């Protein structure tokens, strides 16, 4: 877990489907005003982007993603599978 890697939600794109909230096992998200909210960004697993591909509106990016040169999986989520690009 790291403070340099966390999800960012684009609320102009977000439709409030809560797919990210339901997906993440690490308590990163919560629901606030009928939208997902990053409550515990420090709980996000370094280089895990599992919530990005499940967002139907592509409203999630990750802080620190531009600095990743060799993306290797450090995520141990049971949710991560074929749709995860960790």
N, C-alpha and C. Protein backbone atom coordinates (compact mmCIF):
# COMPACT_ATOMS: atom_id res chain seq x y z
N UNK A 1 0.85 -1.18 0.00
CA UNK A 1 0.00 0.00 0.00
C UNK A 1 0.89 1.24 0.00
N UNK A 2 0.41 2.26 -0.67
CA UNK A 2 1.27 3.41 -0.85
C UNK A 2 0.50 4.71 -0.90
N UNK A 3 1.15 5.79 -0.51
CA UNK A 3 0.50 7.09 -0.62
C UNK A 3 0.74 7.72 -1.98
N UNK A 4 1.59 7.10 -2.79
CA UNK A 4 1.89 7.62 -4.12
C UNK A 4 1.08 6.95 -5.21
N UNK A 5 0.16 6.09 -4.86
CA UNK A 5 -0.68 5.36 -5.82
C UNK A 5 -2.09 5.31 -5.27
N UNK A 6 -3.02 5.93 -5.95
CA UNK A 6 -4.41 5.89 -5.51
C UNK A 6 -5.32 6.27 -6.68
N UNK A 7 -6.59 5.84 -6.63
CA UNK A 7 -7.51 6.13 -7.72
C UNK A 7 -8.01 7.57 -7.67
N UNK A 8 -8.29 8.08 -8.86
CA UNK A 8 -8.88 9.41 -9.02
C UNK A 8 -10.14 9.22 -9.84
N UNK A 9 -11.25 9.75 -9.36
CA UNK A 9 -12.53 9.61 -10.05
C UNK A 9 -12.85 10.91 -10.79
N UNK A 10 -13.15 10.78 -12.07
CA UNK A 10 -13.59 11.92 -12.88
C UNK A 10 -15.11 11.99 -12.73
N UNK A 11 -15.58 12.92 -11.91
CA UNK A 11 -17.01 13.00 -11.63
C UNK A 11 -17.84 13.52 -12.80
N UNK A 12 -17.20 14.08 -13.81
CA UNK A 12 -17.92 14.48 -15.01
C UNK A 12 -18.33 13.25 -15.82
N UNK A 13 -17.56 12.16 -15.67
CA UNK A 13 -17.86 10.92 -16.38
C UNK A 13 -18.63 9.92 -15.52
N UNK A 14 -18.43 9.95 -14.22
CA UNK A 14 -19.00 8.97 -13.30
C UNK A 14 -20.53 9.01 -13.29
N UNK A 15 -21.15 7.83 -13.41
CA UNK A 15 -22.61 7.73 -13.39
C UNK A 15 -23.13 7.18 -12.05
N UNK A 16 -22.22 6.91 -11.12
CA UNK A 16 -22.62 6.43 -9.80
C UNK A 16 -23.08 4.98 -9.76
N UNK A 17 -22.54 4.15 -10.64
CA UNK A 17 -22.96 2.74 -10.69
C UNK A 17 -22.40 1.92 -9.52
N UNK A 18 -21.37 2.41 -8.87
CA UNK A 18 -20.73 1.78 -7.72
C UNK A 18 -19.97 0.50 -8.05
N UNK A 19 -19.66 0.27 -9.32
CA UNK A 19 -18.89 -0.91 -9.69
C UNK A 19 -17.54 -0.91 -8.98
N UNK A 20 -16.91 0.23 -8.88
CA UNK A 20 -15.60 0.33 -8.21
C UNK A 20 -15.72 0.04 -6.71
N UNK A 21 -16.77 0.56 -6.09
CA UNK A 21 -16.99 0.35 -4.66
C UNK A 21 -17.20 -1.13 -4.39
N UNK A 22 -18.00 -1.78 -5.22
CA UNK A 22 -18.29 -3.20 -5.05
C UNK A 22 -17.10 -4.08 -5.39
N UNK A 23 -16.23 -3.62 -6.27
CA UNK A 23 -15.08 -4.40 -6.71
C UNK A 23 -13.95 -4.42 -5.69
N UNK A 24 -13.60 -3.30 -5.14
CA UNK A 24 -12.40 -3.16 -4.31
C UNK A 24 -12.57 -3.81 -2.94
N UNK A 25 -11.66 -4.72 -2.63
CA UNK A 25 -11.68 -5.41 -1.33
C UNK A 25 -10.85 -4.71 -0.26
N UNK A 26 -10.24 -3.61 -0.62
CA UNK A 26 -9.29 -2.97 0.29
C UNK A 26 -9.84 -1.74 1.00
N UNK A 27 -11.12 -1.48 0.86
CA UNK A 27 -11.73 -0.36 1.57
C UNK A 27 -11.30 1.01 1.07
N UNK A 28 -10.88 1.07 -0.19
CA UNK A 28 -10.45 2.34 -0.77
C UNK A 28 -11.64 3.27 -0.97
N UNK A 29 -12.75 2.70 -1.43
CA UNK A 29 -13.93 3.50 -1.78
C UNK A 29 -15.04 3.43 -0.74
N UNK A 30 -15.88 4.43 -0.76
CA UNK A 30 -17.13 4.43 -0.02
C UNK A 30 -18.14 5.18 -0.88
N UNK A 31 -19.39 5.14 -0.49
CA UNK A 31 -20.44 5.86 -1.21
C UNK A 31 -20.70 7.19 -0.51
N UNK A 32 -20.75 8.26 -1.29
CA UNK A 32 -21.00 9.59 -0.73
C UNK A 32 -21.83 10.37 -1.75
N UNK A 33 -22.98 10.83 -1.34
CA UNK A 33 -23.88 11.59 -2.23
C UNK A 33 -24.19 10.82 -3.52
N UNK A 34 -24.46 9.52 -3.38
CA UNK A 34 -24.81 8.64 -4.50
C UNK A 34 -23.70 8.48 -5.54
N UNK A 35 -22.47 8.72 -5.15
CA UNK A 35 -21.31 8.55 -6.03
C UNK A 35 -20.22 7.84 -5.23
N UNK A 36 -19.31 7.15 -5.93
CA UNK A 36 -18.16 6.58 -5.21
C UNK A 36 -17.24 7.70 -4.75
N UNK A 37 -16.58 7.47 -3.65
CA UNK A 37 -15.67 8.46 -3.08
C UNK A 37 -14.43 7.72 -2.58
N UNK A 38 -13.25 8.24 -2.88
CA UNK A 38 -12.00 7.63 -2.41
C UNK A 38 -11.81 8.03 -0.95
N UNK A 39 -12.14 7.11 -0.07
CA UNK A 39 -12.08 7.35 1.37
C UNK A 39 -10.70 7.03 1.95
N UNK A 40 -10.11 5.95 1.47
CA UNK A 40 -8.83 5.49 2.00
C UNK A 40 -7.86 5.21 0.86
N UNK A 41 -7.40 6.25 0.19
CA UNK A 41 -6.48 6.08 -0.92
C UNK A 41 -5.22 5.34 -0.55
N UNK A 42 -4.79 5.47 0.70
CA UNK A 42 -3.57 4.79 1.15
C UNK A 42 -3.73 3.27 1.18
N UNK A 43 -4.99 2.80 1.13
CA UNK A 43 -5.23 1.36 1.12
C UNK A 43 -5.10 0.75 -0.27
N UNK A 44 -5.01 1.60 -1.30
CA UNK A 44 -4.89 1.10 -2.66
C UNK A 44 -3.56 0.37 -2.82
N UNK A 45 -3.60 -0.78 -3.47
CA UNK A 45 -2.41 -1.58 -3.69
C UNK A 45 -1.57 -0.96 -4.81
N UNK A 46 -0.28 -0.78 -4.56
CA UNK A 46 0.62 -0.17 -5.52
C UNK A 46 0.53 -0.87 -6.88
N UNK A 47 0.23 -0.12 -7.90
CA UNK A 47 0.13 -0.53 -9.30
C UNK A 47 -1.11 -1.36 -9.62
N UNK A 48 -2.03 -1.53 -8.69
CA UNK A 48 -3.29 -2.23 -9.00
C UNK A 48 -4.22 -1.26 -9.71
N UNK A 49 -4.72 -1.66 -10.84
CA UNK A 49 -5.68 -0.85 -11.60
C UNK A 49 -6.95 -1.64 -11.86
N UNK A 50 -7.24 -2.59 -11.00
CA UNK A 50 -8.39 -3.47 -11.20
C UNK A 50 -9.72 -2.76 -11.32
N UNK A 51 -9.88 -1.62 -10.69
CA UNK A 51 -11.14 -0.89 -10.76
C UNK A 51 -11.30 -0.11 -12.06
N UNK A 52 -10.20 0.18 -12.75
CA UNK A 52 -10.29 0.95 -13.99
C UNK A 52 -11.09 0.24 -15.08
N UNK A 53 -10.78 -1.01 -15.42
CA UNK A 53 -11.50 -1.64 -16.53
C UNK A 53 -12.95 -1.99 -16.22
N UNK A 54 -13.32 -2.07 -14.94
CA UNK A 54 -14.72 -2.39 -14.63
C UNK A 54 -15.62 -1.16 -14.63
N UNK A 55 -15.03 0.02 -14.70
CA UNK A 55 -15.82 1.25 -14.76
C UNK A 55 -16.38 1.41 -16.17
N UNK A 56 -17.71 1.39 -16.32
CA UNK A 56 -18.28 1.46 -17.67
C UNK A 56 -18.06 2.81 -18.35
N UNK A 57 -17.77 3.84 -17.58
CA UNK A 57 -17.58 5.18 -18.14
C UNK A 57 -16.11 5.57 -18.23
N UNK A 58 -15.23 4.67 -17.85
CA UNK A 58 -13.78 4.94 -17.85
C UNK A 58 -13.47 6.22 -17.07
N UNK A 59 -14.10 6.32 -15.89
CA UNK A 59 -13.98 7.52 -15.06
C UNK A 59 -12.87 7.42 -14.01
N UNK A 60 -12.15 6.31 -13.99
CA UNK A 60 -11.12 6.11 -12.97
C UNK A 60 -9.73 6.06 -13.59
N UNK A 61 -8.83 6.84 -13.02
CA UNK A 61 -7.41 6.77 -13.35
C UNK A 61 -6.68 6.64 -12.01
N UNK A 62 -5.39 6.50 -12.07
CA UNK A 62 -4.63 6.37 -10.83
C UNK A 62 -3.50 7.39 -10.78
N UNK A 63 -3.41 8.05 -9.64
CA UNK A 63 -2.28 8.95 -9.38
C UNK A 63 -1.02 8.09 -9.33
N UNK A 64 -0.02 8.49 -10.07
CA UNK A 64 1.23 7.75 -10.12
C UNK A 64 1.34 6.88 -11.36
N UNK A 65 0.26 6.71 -12.11
CA UNK A 65 0.28 5.83 -13.28
C UNK A 65 1.24 6.31 -14.35
N UNK A 66 1.43 7.61 -14.49
CA UNK A 66 2.34 8.13 -15.51
C UNK A 66 3.80 7.84 -15.18
N UNK A 67 4.07 7.52 -13.93
CA UNK A 67 5.44 7.26 -13.52
C UNK A 67 5.81 5.78 -13.55
N UNK A 68 4.85 4.92 -13.87
CA UNK A 68 5.10 3.49 -13.87
C UNK A 68 5.75 3.10 -15.20
N UNK A 69 6.96 2.57 -15.12
CA UNK A 69 7.67 2.17 -16.33
C UNK A 69 7.49 0.69 -16.60
N UNK A 70 7.63 -0.12 -15.59
CA UNK A 70 7.50 -1.56 -15.74
C UNK A 70 6.40 -2.03 -14.81
N UNK A 71 5.20 -2.12 -15.32
CA UNK A 71 4.04 -2.45 -14.50
C UNK A 71 4.07 -3.93 -14.12
N UNK A 72 4.21 -4.20 -12.85
CA UNK A 72 4.20 -5.57 -12.37
C UNK A 72 3.12 -5.70 -11.33
N UNK A 73 2.50 -6.84 -11.26
CA UNK A 73 1.39 -7.04 -10.35
C UNK A 73 1.87 -7.18 -8.92
N UNK A 74 1.31 -6.36 -8.06
CA UNK A 74 1.55 -6.48 -6.64
C UNK A 74 0.21 -6.70 -5.94
N UNK A 75 -0.83 -6.83 -6.72
CA UNK A 75 -2.17 -6.94 -6.19
C UNK A 75 -2.48 -8.40 -5.87
N UNK A 76 -3.08 -8.61 -4.72
CA UNK A 76 -3.45 -9.97 -4.33
C UNK A 76 -4.96 -10.08 -4.15
N UNK A 77 -5.69 -9.19 -4.77
CA UNK A 77 -7.15 -9.20 -4.66
C UNK A 77 -7.72 -10.49 -5.21
N UNK A 78 -8.73 -11.02 -4.58
CA UNK A 78 -9.39 -12.19 -5.17
C UNK A 78 -10.26 -11.73 -6.34
N UNK A 79 -10.57 -10.44 -6.40
CA UNK A 79 -11.36 -9.91 -7.52
C UNK A 79 -10.56 -9.81 -8.80
N UNK A 80 -9.26 -9.65 -8.68
CA UNK A 80 -8.44 -9.46 -9.88
C UNK A 80 -8.43 -10.75 -10.68
N UNK A 81 -8.72 -10.59 -11.92
CA UNK A 81 -8.78 -11.73 -12.83
C UNK A 81 -8.59 -11.24 -14.23
N UNK A 82 -9.27 -11.86 -15.19
CA UNK A 82 -9.10 -11.47 -16.61
C UNK A 82 -9.38 -10.00 -16.91
N UNK A 83 -10.27 -9.37 -16.14
CA UNK A 83 -10.59 -7.97 -16.43
C UNK A 83 -9.62 -7.01 -15.76
N UNK A 84 -8.75 -7.50 -14.91
CA UNK A 84 -7.80 -6.65 -14.21
C UNK A 84 -6.51 -6.55 -15.00
N UNK A 85 -5.96 -5.36 -15.08
CA UNK A 85 -4.70 -5.20 -15.79
C UNK A 85 -3.57 -4.80 -14.85
N UNK A 86 -3.58 -5.39 -13.66
CA UNK A 86 -2.49 -5.14 -12.69
C UNK A 86 -1.16 -5.48 -13.29
